[in-house]
Amino acid sequence: MKILLVAATSYELTGILDYLDKKARKVSFFEYELNSNHIFPMVLGVGSFMTGYGMAKSPTKGMDMAIQIGIGGSFDKSLELGTVVEVSTDQFADIGVSEADGRFTSAFDLGLIDANTFPFSNEIVTANNKNLSVSAPKVHGITVNRVTGTEDEIVQIRQKYPNAVCESMEGAAFLYACRMLDLPGTQLRSISNYIEPRNRDNWKVELALERVSGYVIEILER
């Protein structure tokens, strides 16, 4: 299987690249062969705009699968830090306007984007993961340009998107690009922190990266 493996930063791919350098055959600068899989790692950049552009410029033609690897924050504190999840549905959560009373009105609410025009269904983009079996818990995500970090923001987000479990800066853009490019794709993230008033001392980034890297390596070894 030909797998496009993408991340926002090289830091998030380090563990997997170290493994591939040791265990896989390097076909070219951007291609590794491991068992029957050909893996194409790409760093797309941080945020939705870099992710969208990066996916458009990536070698998606002929790929059987795209996997986005990363970390994310969780609104659900029953998920232990380091838990790997499949963000199978995602939505853009901060495209819109701030009203005079502080409320957020999305571009969908304003009618600027049709909430049910492909690939959206009620504002949500759903992963097309037909080529890969994933056992990680499936969760709903939201994608933002500014990570939520104050109590007021958390309350507002929870009221607007009560089903959201995972927050990232790239997920919905990745799934949107995959659907528009007709490329099967899945978003795998490990929970690095809880969504709470910002406190980096409580984050477990190294643990999260170790867990999600190990999970994806198991997939690549199949």
N, C-alpha and C. Protein backbone atom coordinates (compact mmCIF):
# COMPACT_ATOMS: atom_id res chain seq x y z
N MET A 1 0.83 -1.19 0.00
CA MET A 1 0.00 0.00 0.00
C MET A 1 0.88 1.25 0.00
N LYS A 2 0.48 2.24 -0.76
CA LYS A 2 1.18 3.52 -0.79
C LYS A 2 0.52 4.45 0.22
N ILE A 3 1.32 4.91 1.20
CA ILE A 3 0.78 5.70 2.31
C ILE A 3 1.46 7.06 2.37
N LEU A 4 0.66 8.11 2.28
CA LEU A 4 1.15 9.47 2.49
C LEU A 4 1.02 9.75 3.98
N LEU A 5 2.14 9.99 4.63
CA LEU A 5 2.17 10.22 6.08
C LEU A 5 2.51 11.68 6.34
N VAL A 6 1.56 12.43 6.90
CA VAL A 6 1.77 13.87 7.04
C VAL A 6 1.68 14.30 8.49
N ALA A 7 2.38 15.38 8.79
CA ALA A 7 2.33 16.00 10.11
C ALA A 7 2.54 17.50 9.95
N ALA A 8 2.17 18.23 10.98
CA ALA A 8 2.33 19.68 10.93
C ALA A 8 3.79 20.10 11.07
N THR A 9 4.54 19.35 11.87
CA THR A 9 5.93 19.70 12.15
C THR A 9 6.82 18.47 12.02
N SER A 10 8.10 18.70 11.76
CA SER A 10 9.06 17.60 11.69
C SER A 10 9.20 16.92 13.05
N TYR A 11 9.00 17.68 14.12
CA TYR A 11 9.10 17.15 15.48
C TYR A 11 8.11 16.00 15.68
N GLU A 12 6.92 16.13 15.11
CA GLU A 12 5.91 15.10 15.28
C GLU A 12 6.22 13.83 14.48
N LEU A 13 7.09 13.94 13.48
CA LEU A 13 7.47 12.78 12.67
C LEU A 13 8.78 12.15 13.09
N THR A 14 9.49 12.77 14.03
CA THR A 14 10.83 12.33 14.36
C THR A 14 10.90 10.85 14.75
N GLY A 15 10.02 10.41 15.64
CA GLY A 15 10.06 9.03 16.10
C GLY A 15 9.87 8.03 14.97
N ILE A 16 8.93 8.32 14.08
CA ILE A 16 8.67 7.42 12.96
C ILE A 16 9.82 7.44 11.96
N LEU A 17 10.35 8.62 11.68
CA LEU A 17 11.47 8.71 10.73
C LEU A 17 12.70 7.99 11.27
N ASP A 18 12.96 8.10 12.56
CA ASP A 18 14.08 7.38 13.17
C ASP A 18 13.90 5.87 12.98
N TYR A 19 12.68 5.41 13.17
CA TYR A 19 12.39 3.99 13.00
C TYR A 19 12.57 3.57 11.55
N LEU A 20 12.03 4.36 10.62
CA LEU A 20 12.13 4.01 9.20
C LEU A 20 13.58 4.01 8.72
N ASP A 21 14.36 4.96 9.23
CA ASP A 21 15.78 5.01 8.85
C ASP A 21 16.51 3.74 9.27
N LYS A 22 16.07 3.12 10.35
CA LYS A 22 16.73 1.92 10.85
C LYS A 22 16.17 0.63 10.24
N LYS A 23 14.86 0.60 10.01
CA LYS A 23 14.20 -0.66 9.66
C LYS A 23 13.74 -0.76 8.21
N ALA A 24 13.56 0.38 7.54
CA ALA A 24 12.98 0.35 6.19
C ALA A 24 14.06 0.60 5.14
N ARG A 25 13.74 0.25 3.92
CA ARG A 25 14.62 0.58 2.80
C ARG A 25 14.27 1.97 2.29
N LYS A 26 15.27 2.83 2.20
CA LYS A 26 15.02 4.19 1.73
C LYS A 26 15.12 4.19 0.21
N VAL A 27 13.98 4.37 -0.43
CA VAL A 27 13.92 4.36 -1.89
C VAL A 27 14.40 5.68 -2.45
N SER A 28 13.97 6.77 -1.81
CA SER A 28 14.38 8.12 -2.21
C SER A 28 14.25 9.01 -0.99
N PHE A 29 14.50 10.29 -1.16
CA PHE A 29 14.45 11.22 -0.02
C PHE A 29 13.07 11.23 0.61
N PHE A 30 12.02 11.01 -0.20
CA PHE A 30 10.65 11.10 0.29
C PHE A 30 9.94 9.75 0.33
N GLU A 31 10.66 8.65 0.16
CA GLU A 31 9.98 7.35 0.09
C GLU A 31 10.76 6.27 0.83
N TYR A 32 10.02 5.52 1.66
CA TYR A 32 10.56 4.35 2.35
C TYR A 32 9.74 3.13 1.98
N GLU A 33 10.38 1.98 1.95
CA GLU A 33 9.68 0.72 1.72
C GLU A 33 9.82 -0.14 2.97
N LEU A 34 8.68 -0.53 3.53
CA LEU A 34 8.66 -1.35 4.74
C LEU A 34 7.64 -2.46 4.53
N ASN A 35 8.13 -3.70 4.50
CA ASN A 35 7.28 -4.85 4.17
C ASN A 35 6.64 -4.58 2.81
N SER A 36 5.32 -4.55 2.74
CA SER A 36 4.66 -4.30 1.45
C SER A 36 4.20 -2.86 1.29
N ASN A 37 4.57 -2.01 2.24
CA ASN A 37 4.11 -0.62 2.22
C ASN A 37 5.20 0.33 1.70
N HIS A 38 4.76 1.31 0.93
CA HIS A 38 5.62 2.41 0.52
C HIS A 38 5.12 3.66 1.23
N ILE A 39 6.00 4.26 2.03
CA ILE A 39 5.61 5.36 2.92
C ILE A 39 6.27 6.65 2.45
N PHE A 40 5.46 7.68 2.34
CA PHE A 40 5.92 8.98 1.86
C PHE A 40 5.68 10.02 2.96
N PRO A 41 6.67 10.31 3.81
CA PRO A 41 6.48 11.27 4.90
C PRO A 41 6.59 12.71 4.39
N MET A 42 5.68 13.55 4.86
CA MET A 42 5.67 14.95 4.45
C MET A 42 5.35 15.84 5.66
N VAL A 43 6.08 16.95 5.78
CA VAL A 43 5.77 17.97 6.79
C VAL A 43 5.02 19.10 6.08
N LEU A 44 3.79 19.35 6.50
CA LEU A 44 2.94 20.31 5.80
C LEU A 44 2.97 21.71 6.39
N GLY A 45 3.27 21.83 7.68
CA GLY A 45 3.25 23.14 8.33
C GLY A 45 2.09 23.25 9.30
N VAL A 46 2.14 24.27 10.12
CA VAL A 46 1.17 24.46 11.20
C VAL A 46 -0.04 25.24 10.72
N GLY A 47 -1.24 24.77 11.09
CA GLY A 47 -2.46 25.50 10.79
C GLY A 47 -3.16 25.02 9.54
N SER A 48 -4.40 25.46 9.40
CA SER A 48 -5.26 24.99 8.30
C SER A 48 -4.74 25.41 6.94
N PHE A 49 -4.26 26.65 6.84
CA PHE A 49 -3.87 27.14 5.51
C PHE A 49 -2.65 26.39 4.99
N MET A 50 -1.67 26.12 5.84
CA MET A 50 -0.50 25.36 5.42
C MET A 50 -0.86 23.91 5.12
N THR A 51 -1.76 23.36 5.92
CA THR A 51 -2.19 21.98 5.70
C THR A 51 -2.90 21.84 4.36
N GLY A 52 -3.82 22.75 4.07
CA GLY A 52 -4.54 22.70 2.81
C GLY A 52 -3.62 22.82 1.61
N TYR A 53 -2.71 23.79 1.68
CA TYR A 53 -1.77 23.99 0.58
C TYR A 53 -0.83 22.79 0.46
N GLY A 54 -0.36 22.30 1.60
CA GLY A 54 0.55 21.17 1.60
C GLY A 54 -0.07 19.93 1.00
N MET A 55 -1.33 19.67 1.33
CA MET A 55 -2.01 18.51 0.75
C MET A 55 -2.18 18.67 -0.76
N ALA A 56 -2.48 19.90 -1.19
CA ALA A 56 -2.66 20.14 -2.62
C ALA A 56 -1.37 19.92 -3.39
N LYS A 57 -0.23 20.19 -2.75
CA LYS A 57 1.07 20.06 -3.41
C LYS A 57 1.74 18.71 -3.16
N SER A 58 1.16 17.89 -2.30
CA SER A 58 1.75 16.58 -1.99
C SER A 58 1.47 15.58 -3.12
N PRO A 59 2.27 14.52 -3.20
CA PRO A 59 2.08 13.51 -4.25
C PRO A 59 0.92 12.59 -3.92
N THR A 60 -0.31 13.11 -3.99
CA THR A 60 -1.48 12.32 -3.60
C THR A 60 -1.93 11.36 -4.68
N LYS A 61 -1.60 11.63 -5.93
CA LYS A 61 -2.05 10.77 -7.02
C LYS A 61 -1.43 9.38 -6.88
N GLY A 62 -2.28 8.36 -6.92
CA GLY A 62 -1.80 6.99 -6.81
C GLY A 62 -1.65 6.50 -5.38
N MET A 63 -1.86 7.38 -4.39
CA MET A 63 -1.78 6.94 -3.00
C MET A 63 -3.01 6.13 -2.63
N ASP A 64 -2.80 5.12 -1.79
CA ASP A 64 -3.92 4.32 -1.30
C ASP A 64 -4.50 4.89 -0.01
N MET A 65 -3.68 5.69 0.69
CA MET A 65 -4.08 6.14 2.01
C MET A 65 -3.27 7.35 2.44
N ALA A 66 -3.89 8.25 3.18
CA ALA A 66 -3.17 9.34 3.83
C ALA A 66 -3.42 9.24 5.32
N ILE A 67 -2.37 9.39 6.09
CA ILE A 67 -2.47 9.38 7.55
C ILE A 67 -1.90 10.68 8.07
N GLN A 68 -2.69 11.39 8.85
CA GLN A 68 -2.18 12.57 9.55
C GLN A 68 -1.86 12.16 10.98
N ILE A 69 -0.62 12.40 11.38
CA ILE A 69 -0.19 12.08 12.73
C ILE A 69 0.02 13.38 13.50
N GLY A 70 -0.35 13.38 14.78
CA GLY A 70 -0.15 14.60 15.55
C GLY A 70 -0.59 14.41 16.99
N ILE A 71 -0.61 15.51 17.70
CA ILE A 71 -1.09 15.54 19.07
C ILE A 71 -2.28 16.48 19.12
N GLY A 72 -3.01 16.44 20.21
CA GLY A 72 -4.17 17.31 20.33
C GLY A 72 -4.59 17.46 21.78
N GLY A 73 -5.38 18.49 22.02
CA GLY A 73 -5.94 18.68 23.34
C GLY A 73 -7.28 17.98 23.44
N SER A 74 -7.69 17.64 24.67
CA SER A 74 -8.95 16.94 24.88
C SER A 74 -9.85 17.72 25.83
N PHE A 75 -11.13 17.82 25.45
CA PHE A 75 -12.14 18.37 26.34
C PHE A 75 -12.62 17.31 27.33
N ASP A 76 -12.37 16.05 27.00
CA ASP A 76 -12.84 14.93 27.81
C ASP A 76 -11.72 14.46 28.74
N LYS A 77 -11.86 14.74 30.02
CA LYS A 77 -10.80 14.40 30.98
C LYS A 77 -10.85 12.93 31.40
N SER A 78 -11.80 12.17 30.86
CA SER A 78 -11.78 10.73 31.13
C SER A 78 -10.78 10.03 30.23
N LEU A 79 -10.31 10.70 29.19
CA LEU A 79 -9.25 10.16 28.34
C LEU A 79 -7.91 10.45 28.99
N GLU A 80 -7.13 9.41 29.23
CA GLU A 80 -5.83 9.61 29.83
C GLU A 80 -4.90 10.31 28.85
N LEU A 81 -4.02 11.16 29.38
CA LEU A 81 -3.02 11.78 28.52
C LEU A 81 -2.17 10.68 27.90
N GLY A 82 -1.91 10.82 26.61
CA GLY A 82 -1.18 9.80 25.88
C GLY A 82 -2.09 8.85 25.11
N THR A 83 -3.39 8.92 25.34
CA THR A 83 -4.33 8.06 24.62
C THR A 83 -4.33 8.41 23.13
N VAL A 84 -4.24 7.41 22.29
CA VAL A 84 -4.30 7.61 20.84
C VAL A 84 -5.76 7.49 20.39
N VAL A 85 -6.21 8.47 19.62
CA VAL A 85 -7.58 8.47 19.11
C VAL A 85 -7.57 8.64 17.60
N GLU A 86 -8.62 8.16 16.97
CA GLU A 86 -8.85 8.45 15.56
C GLU A 86 -9.90 9.55 15.50
N VAL A 87 -9.51 10.71 15.02
CA VAL A 87 -10.45 11.81 14.88
C VAL A 87 -11.17 11.59 13.54
N SER A 88 -12.27 10.89 13.62
CA SER A 88 -12.96 10.44 12.40
C SER A 88 -13.92 11.48 11.84
N THR A 89 -14.31 12.44 12.66
CA THR A 89 -15.11 13.57 12.20
C THR A 89 -14.50 14.84 12.77
N ASP A 90 -14.57 15.91 12.00
CA ASP A 90 -13.92 17.16 12.42
C ASP A 90 -14.67 18.32 11.81
N GLN A 91 -14.48 19.50 12.39
CA GLN A 91 -15.12 20.69 11.83
C GLN A 91 -14.31 21.94 12.18
N PHE A 92 -14.44 22.93 11.31
CA PHE A 92 -13.78 24.21 11.54
C PHE A 92 -14.58 24.98 12.58
N ALA A 93 -13.93 25.38 13.67
CA ALA A 93 -14.67 25.92 14.81
C ALA A 93 -14.46 27.42 15.05
N ASP A 94 -13.64 28.08 14.23
CA ASP A 94 -13.45 29.52 14.49
C ASP A 94 -13.45 30.36 13.21
N ILE A 95 -14.09 29.84 12.15
CA ILE A 95 -14.25 30.64 10.94
C ILE A 95 -15.58 31.37 11.05
N GLY A 96 -15.54 32.68 11.24
CA GLY A 96 -16.76 33.44 11.41
C GLY A 96 -16.50 34.79 12.02
N VAL A 97 -17.44 35.28 12.82
CA VAL A 97 -17.32 36.63 13.39
C VAL A 97 -17.63 36.59 14.88
N SER A 98 -17.05 37.54 15.60
CA SER A 98 -17.40 37.77 17.00
C SER A 98 -18.46 38.86 17.04
N GLU A 99 -19.59 38.56 17.66
CA GLU A 99 -20.67 39.54 17.77
C GLU A 99 -20.37 40.55 18.87
N ALA A 100 -21.14 41.64 18.89
CA ALA A 100 -20.90 42.71 19.86
C ALA A 100 -21.07 42.22 21.30
N ASP A 101 -21.92 41.20 21.50
CA ASP A 101 -22.13 40.69 22.86
C ASP A 101 -21.16 39.57 23.23
N GLY A 102 -20.19 39.31 22.33
CA GLY A 102 -19.17 38.30 22.62
C GLY A 102 -19.48 36.93 22.07
N ARG A 103 -20.69 36.73 21.53
CA ARG A 103 -21.03 35.44 20.95
C ARG A 103 -20.26 35.22 19.64
N PHE A 104 -20.03 33.96 19.31
CA PHE A 104 -19.39 33.62 18.04
C PHE A 104 -20.44 33.14 17.07
N THR A 105 -20.41 33.69 15.86
CA THR A 105 -21.30 33.26 14.79
C THR A 105 -20.43 32.71 13.67
N SER A 106 -20.63 31.44 13.33
CA SER A 106 -19.77 30.81 12.34
C SER A 106 -20.14 31.24 10.93
N ALA A 107 -19.23 30.99 10.01
CA ALA A 107 -19.49 31.28 8.59
C ALA A 107 -20.63 30.42 8.07
N PHE A 108 -20.84 29.25 8.68
CA PHE A 108 -21.97 28.41 8.32
C PHE A 108 -23.27 29.06 8.79
N ASP A 109 -23.28 29.58 10.03
CA ASP A 109 -24.46 30.26 10.55
C ASP A 109 -24.82 31.48 9.70
N LEU A 110 -23.79 32.15 9.18
CA LEU A 110 -24.00 33.33 8.36
C LEU A 110 -24.44 33.00 6.95
N GLY A 111 -24.37 31.74 6.58
CA GLY A 111 -24.73 31.34 5.23
C GLY A 111 -23.63 31.56 4.21
N LEU A 112 -22.42 31.85 4.69
CA LEU A 112 -21.29 32.06 3.77
C LEU A 112 -20.74 30.74 3.25
N ILE A 113 -20.92 29.69 4.03
CA ILE A 113 -20.54 28.34 3.61
C ILE A 113 -21.76 27.46 3.81
N ASP A 114 -22.10 26.66 2.80
CA ASP A 114 -23.23 25.75 2.90
C ASP A 114 -22.85 24.58 3.80
N ALA A 115 -23.59 24.39 4.87
CA ALA A 115 -23.26 23.36 5.86
C ALA A 115 -23.42 21.95 5.33
N ASN A 116 -24.07 21.79 4.17
CA ASN A 116 -24.31 20.45 3.66
C ASN A 116 -23.85 20.26 2.21
N THR A 117 -22.97 21.14 1.76
CA THR A 117 -22.34 20.94 0.45
C THR A 117 -21.09 20.11 0.65
N PHE A 118 -20.91 19.08 -0.21
CA PHE A 118 -19.77 18.18 -0.09
C PHE A 118 -18.46 18.98 0.07
N PRO A 119 -17.62 18.56 1.02
CA PRO A 119 -17.69 17.35 1.83
C PRO A 119 -18.32 17.55 3.20
N PHE A 120 -19.06 18.64 3.38
CA PHE A 120 -19.67 18.90 4.68
C PHE A 120 -21.01 18.20 4.82
N SER A 121 -21.31 17.77 6.03
CA SER A 121 -22.62 17.30 6.41
C SER A 121 -22.92 17.90 7.77
N ASN A 122 -23.84 18.86 7.79
CA ASN A 122 -24.13 19.61 9.01
C ASN A 122 -22.85 20.22 9.58
N GLU A 123 -22.04 20.80 8.70
CA GLU A 123 -20.78 21.50 9.01
C GLU A 123 -19.60 20.55 9.24
N ILE A 124 -19.85 19.26 9.29
CA ILE A 124 -18.83 18.29 9.70
C ILE A 124 -18.23 17.59 8.49
N VAL A 125 -16.91 17.36 8.56
CA VAL A 125 -16.21 16.56 7.55
C VAL A 125 -15.92 15.19 8.18
N THR A 126 -16.32 14.15 7.46
CA THR A 126 -16.12 12.78 7.95
C THR A 126 -15.00 12.10 7.17
N ALA A 127 -14.11 11.44 7.89
CA ALA A 127 -13.01 10.74 7.24
C ALA A 127 -13.52 9.60 6.37
N ASN A 128 -12.88 9.42 5.23
CA ASN A 128 -13.13 8.25 4.39
C ASN A 128 -11.96 7.30 4.61
N ASN A 129 -12.11 6.43 5.57
CA ASN A 129 -11.02 5.54 5.97
C ASN A 129 -11.32 4.12 5.53
N LYS A 130 -11.52 3.93 4.24
CA LYS A 130 -11.94 2.62 3.74
C LYS A 130 -10.79 1.63 3.57
N ASN A 131 -9.56 2.11 3.57
CA ASN A 131 -8.43 1.22 3.26
C ASN A 131 -7.59 0.84 4.47
N LEU A 132 -8.03 1.24 5.66
CA LEU A 132 -7.19 0.99 6.84
C LEU A 132 -8.06 0.67 8.04
N SER A 133 -7.73 -0.43 8.71
CA SER A 133 -8.44 -0.80 9.93
C SER A 133 -7.73 -0.17 11.12
N VAL A 134 -8.48 0.62 11.89
CA VAL A 134 -7.92 1.33 13.05
C VAL A 134 -8.74 0.98 14.28
N SER A 135 -8.05 0.57 15.34
CA SER A 135 -8.75 0.16 16.56
C SER A 135 -8.85 1.26 17.59
N ALA A 136 -8.19 2.40 17.37
CA ALA A 136 -8.22 3.50 18.33
C ALA A 136 -9.64 4.04 18.46
N PRO A 137 -10.00 4.57 19.64
CA PRO A 137 -11.34 5.13 19.81
C PRO A 137 -11.59 6.25 18.80
N LYS A 138 -12.78 6.25 18.22
CA LYS A 138 -13.16 7.29 17.28
C LYS A 138 -13.77 8.47 18.05
N VAL A 139 -13.29 9.68 17.75
CA VAL A 139 -13.80 10.86 18.44
C VAL A 139 -14.08 11.96 17.43
N HIS A 140 -14.84 12.95 17.88
CA HIS A 140 -15.12 14.13 17.06
C HIS A 140 -14.15 15.24 17.43
N GLY A 141 -13.62 15.92 16.44
CA GLY A 141 -12.67 16.99 16.69
C GLY A 141 -13.15 18.35 16.19
N ILE A 142 -12.51 19.38 16.69
CA ILE A 142 -12.67 20.71 16.15
C ILE A 142 -11.29 21.25 15.78
N THR A 143 -11.28 22.09 14.77
CA THR A 143 -10.02 22.67 14.29
C THR A 143 -10.09 24.18 14.44
N VAL A 144 -9.05 24.74 15.04
CA VAL A 144 -9.02 26.18 15.33
C VAL A 144 -7.70 26.77 14.86
N ASN A 145 -7.70 28.05 14.66
CA ASN A 145 -6.46 28.76 14.34
C ASN A 145 -5.75 29.25 15.60
N ARG A 146 -6.53 29.37 16.68
CA ARG A 146 -5.95 29.79 17.96
C ARG A 146 -6.39 28.78 19.01
N VAL A 147 -5.42 28.10 19.61
CA VAL A 147 -5.73 27.06 20.59
C VAL A 147 -6.48 27.67 21.77
N THR A 148 -7.53 26.97 22.21
CA THR A 148 -8.36 27.45 23.32
C THR A 148 -7.57 27.42 24.62
N GLY A 149 -7.54 28.58 25.35
CA GLY A 149 -6.69 28.64 26.53
C GLY A 149 -7.22 29.46 27.70
N THR A 150 -8.48 29.92 27.61
CA THR A 150 -9.07 30.64 28.74
C THR A 150 -10.40 30.00 29.11
N GLU A 151 -10.83 30.22 30.33
CA GLU A 151 -12.08 29.61 30.79
C GLU A 151 -13.27 30.10 29.97
N ASP A 152 -13.30 31.39 29.64
CA ASP A 152 -14.40 31.93 28.84
C ASP A 152 -14.46 31.27 27.46
N GLU A 153 -13.29 31.08 26.84
CA GLU A 153 -13.24 30.43 25.53
C GLU A 153 -13.71 28.99 25.63
N ILE A 154 -13.31 28.32 26.67
CA ILE A 154 -13.69 26.92 26.85
C ILE A 154 -15.21 26.79 26.98
N VAL A 155 -15.81 27.65 27.78
CA VAL A 155 -17.26 27.62 27.96
C VAL A 155 -17.97 27.86 26.64
N GLN A 156 -17.50 28.84 25.89
CA GLN A 156 -18.12 29.17 24.61
C GLN A 156 -17.99 28.03 23.60
N ILE A 157 -16.80 27.45 23.53
CA ILE A 157 -16.59 26.32 22.62
C ILE A 157 -17.46 25.14 23.00
N ARG A 158 -17.56 24.83 24.28
CA ARG A 158 -18.35 23.69 24.74
C ARG A 158 -19.83 23.89 24.44
N GLN A 159 -20.28 25.14 24.55
CA GLN A 159 -21.68 25.42 24.24
C GLN A 159 -21.96 25.30 22.75
N LYS A 160 -21.01 25.78 21.94
CA LYS A 160 -21.19 25.78 20.49
C LYS A 160 -20.98 24.39 19.89
N TYR A 161 -20.00 23.65 20.42
CA TYR A 161 -19.64 22.34 19.87
C TYR A 161 -19.61 21.31 20.99
N PRO A 162 -20.76 20.92 21.52
CA PRO A 162 -20.79 20.04 22.71
C PRO A 162 -20.25 18.64 22.47
N ASN A 163 -20.20 18.21 21.22
CA ASN A 163 -19.70 16.86 20.93
C ASN A 163 -18.20 16.79 20.72
N ALA A 164 -17.54 17.93 20.75
CA ALA A 164 -16.10 17.96 20.48
C ALA A 164 -15.33 17.28 21.61
N VAL A 165 -14.40 16.43 21.22
CA VAL A 165 -13.51 15.77 22.18
C VAL A 165 -12.08 16.27 22.00
N CYS A 166 -11.62 16.34 20.75
CA CYS A 166 -10.22 16.68 20.46
C CYS A 166 -10.14 18.02 19.73
N GLU A 167 -9.14 18.80 20.07
CA GLU A 167 -8.90 20.08 19.40
C GLU A 167 -7.51 20.08 18.76
N SER A 168 -7.46 20.53 17.51
CA SER A 168 -6.18 20.66 16.81
C SER A 168 -6.22 21.90 15.94
N MET A 169 -5.11 22.16 15.25
CA MET A 169 -5.03 23.30 14.36
C MET A 169 -5.02 22.89 12.89
N GLU A 170 -5.12 21.58 12.62
CA GLU A 170 -4.99 21.11 11.24
C GLU A 170 -6.01 20.07 10.81
N GLY A 171 -6.67 19.40 11.74
CA GLY A 171 -7.42 18.20 11.43
C GLY A 171 -8.50 18.34 10.37
N ALA A 172 -9.37 19.31 10.52
CA ALA A 172 -10.47 19.47 9.56
C ALA A 172 -9.94 19.82 8.18
N ALA A 173 -8.86 20.59 8.12
CA ALA A 173 -8.27 20.94 6.82
C ALA A 173 -7.72 19.70 6.13
N PHE A 174 -7.11 18.81 6.89
CA PHE A 174 -6.60 17.56 6.33
C PHE A 174 -7.73 16.70 5.79
N LEU A 175 -8.78 16.50 6.59
CA LEU A 175 -9.89 15.67 6.14
C LEU A 175 -10.61 16.31 4.97
N TYR A 176 -10.75 17.63 4.98
CA TYR A 176 -11.37 18.34 3.86
C TYR A 176 -10.58 18.08 2.58
N ALA A 177 -9.26 18.23 2.66
CA ALA A 177 -8.41 18.02 1.48
C ALA A 177 -8.51 16.58 0.99
N CYS A 178 -8.51 15.63 1.91
CA CYS A 178 -8.62 14.23 1.51
C CYS A 178 -9.92 13.96 0.76
N ARG A 179 -11.03 14.49 1.27
CA ARG A 179 -12.31 14.26 0.61
C ARG A 179 -12.36 14.94 -0.75
N MET A 180 -11.84 16.15 -0.83
CA MET A 180 -11.85 16.86 -2.11
C MET A 180 -10.93 16.21 -3.13
N LEU A 181 -9.86 15.59 -2.66
CA LEU A 181 -8.93 14.90 -3.55
C LEU A 181 -9.31 13.44 -3.77
N ASP A 182 -10.40 13.01 -3.18
CA ASP A 182 -10.86 11.61 -3.27
C ASP A 182 -9.76 10.65 -2.82
N LEU A 183 -9.14 11.00 -1.69
CA LEU A 183 -8.05 10.21 -1.12
C LEU A 183 -8.47 9.68 0.24
N PRO A 184 -8.55 8.36 0.42
CA PRO A 184 -8.86 7.83 1.74
C PRO A 184 -7.87 8.37 2.77
N GLY A 185 -8.38 8.76 3.92
CA GLY A 185 -7.49 9.35 4.92
C GLY A 185 -8.00 9.19 6.33
N THR A 186 -7.08 9.18 7.27
CA THR A 186 -7.45 9.12 8.67
C THR A 186 -6.55 10.03 9.48
N GLN A 187 -7.09 10.55 10.56
CA GLN A 187 -6.36 11.47 11.44
C GLN A 187 -6.13 10.78 12.78
N LEU A 188 -4.87 10.52 13.09
CA LEU A 188 -4.51 9.84 14.34
C LEU A 188 -3.77 10.81 15.24
N ARG A 189 -4.31 11.00 16.44
CA ARG A 189 -3.70 11.93 17.39
C ARG A 189 -3.61 11.30 18.76
N SER A 190 -2.62 11.76 19.50
CA SER A 190 -2.51 11.35 20.89
C SER A 190 -2.77 12.57 21.76
N ILE A 191 -3.49 12.35 22.84
CA ILE A 191 -3.88 13.46 23.71
C ILE A 191 -2.68 13.93 24.53
N SER A 192 -2.27 15.16 24.29
CA SER A 192 -1.11 15.71 24.99
C SER A 192 -1.49 16.57 26.18
N ASN A 193 -2.74 17.04 26.20
CA ASN A 193 -3.16 17.96 27.26
C ASN A 193 -4.68 18.03 27.30
N TYR A 194 -5.18 18.49 28.42
CA TYR A 194 -6.60 18.78 28.53
C TYR A 194 -6.84 20.24 28.18
N ILE A 195 -8.03 20.52 27.64
CA ILE A 195 -8.39 21.89 27.32
C ILE A 195 -8.81 22.57 28.62
N GLU A 196 -7.95 23.41 29.12
CA GLU A 196 -8.14 24.13 30.37
C GLU A 196 -7.37 25.43 30.27
N PRO A 197 -7.55 26.36 31.22
CA PRO A 197 -6.72 27.57 31.17
C PRO A 197 -5.25 27.19 30.98
N ARG A 198 -4.63 27.79 29.97
CA ARG A 198 -3.35 27.32 29.46
C ARG A 198 -2.29 27.19 30.54
N ASN A 199 -1.72 25.97 30.62
CA ASN A 199 -0.67 25.67 31.59
C ASN A 199 0.19 24.56 31.01
N ARG A 200 1.29 24.93 30.36
CA ARG A 200 2.14 23.96 29.68
C ARG A 200 2.76 22.95 30.64
N ASP A 201 2.83 23.29 31.93
CA ASP A 201 3.41 22.35 32.89
C ASP A 201 2.59 21.08 33.01
N ASN A 202 1.31 21.15 32.65
CA ASN A 202 0.45 19.97 32.75
C ASN A 202 0.45 19.12 31.48
N TRP A 203 1.12 19.57 30.46
CA TRP A 203 1.10 18.87 29.17
C TRP A 203 2.08 17.69 29.19
N LYS A 204 1.74 16.66 28.40
CA LYS A 204 2.58 15.47 28.25
C LYS A 204 2.89 15.26 26.76
N VAL A 205 3.61 16.19 26.18
CA VAL A 205 3.87 16.16 24.74
C VAL A 205 4.74 14.97 24.36
N GLU A 206 5.82 14.74 25.09
CA GLU A 206 6.72 13.64 24.76
C GLU A 206 6.01 12.30 24.84
N LEU A 207 5.22 12.12 25.89
CA LEU A 207 4.45 10.87 26.04
C LEU A 207 3.49 10.70 24.87
N ALA A 208 2.78 11.78 24.53
CA ALA A 208 1.81 11.72 23.44
C ALA A 208 2.48 11.35 22.12
N LEU A 209 3.61 11.97 21.82
CA LEU A 209 4.31 11.68 20.57
C LEU A 209 4.84 10.25 20.55
N GLU A 210 5.32 9.78 21.68
CA GLU A 210 5.81 8.40 21.75
C GLU A 210 4.68 7.41 21.48
N ARG A 211 3.50 7.68 22.06
CA ARG A 211 2.38 6.78 21.90
C ARG A 211 1.84 6.77 20.47
N VAL A 212 1.65 7.94 19.89
CA VAL A 212 1.08 7.98 18.55
C VAL A 212 2.08 7.47 17.52
N SER A 213 3.36 7.73 17.75
CA SER A 213 4.39 7.20 16.84
C SER A 213 4.40 5.69 16.87
N GLY A 214 4.34 5.12 18.07
CA GLY A 214 4.32 3.67 18.19
C GLY A 214 3.10 3.07 17.54
N TYR A 215 1.98 3.72 17.69
CA TYR A 215 0.73 3.23 17.10
C TYR A 215 0.82 3.22 15.58
N VAL A 216 1.33 4.30 15.01
CA VAL A 216 1.44 4.37 13.55
C VAL A 216 2.49 3.40 13.03
N ILE A 217 3.57 3.21 13.75
CA ILE A 217 4.59 2.25 13.34
C ILE A 217 3.99 0.85 13.22
N GLU A 218 3.12 0.49 14.16
CA GLU A 218 2.45 -0.82 14.09
C GLU A 218 1.62 -0.93 12.82
N ILE A 219 0.99 0.17 12.42
CA ILE A 219 0.21 0.17 11.18
C ILE A 219 1.13 0.00 9.97
N LEU A 220 2.24 0.70 9.97
CA LEU A 220 3.16 0.65 8.83
C LEU A 220 3.84 -0.71 8.69
N GLU A 221 3.92 -1.45 9.77
CA GLU A 221 4.57 -2.77 9.75
C GLU A 221 3.66 -3.86 9.19
N ARG A 222 2.39 -3.58 8.99
CA ARG A 222 1.45 -4.63 8.57
C ARG A 222 1.81 -5.14 7.18
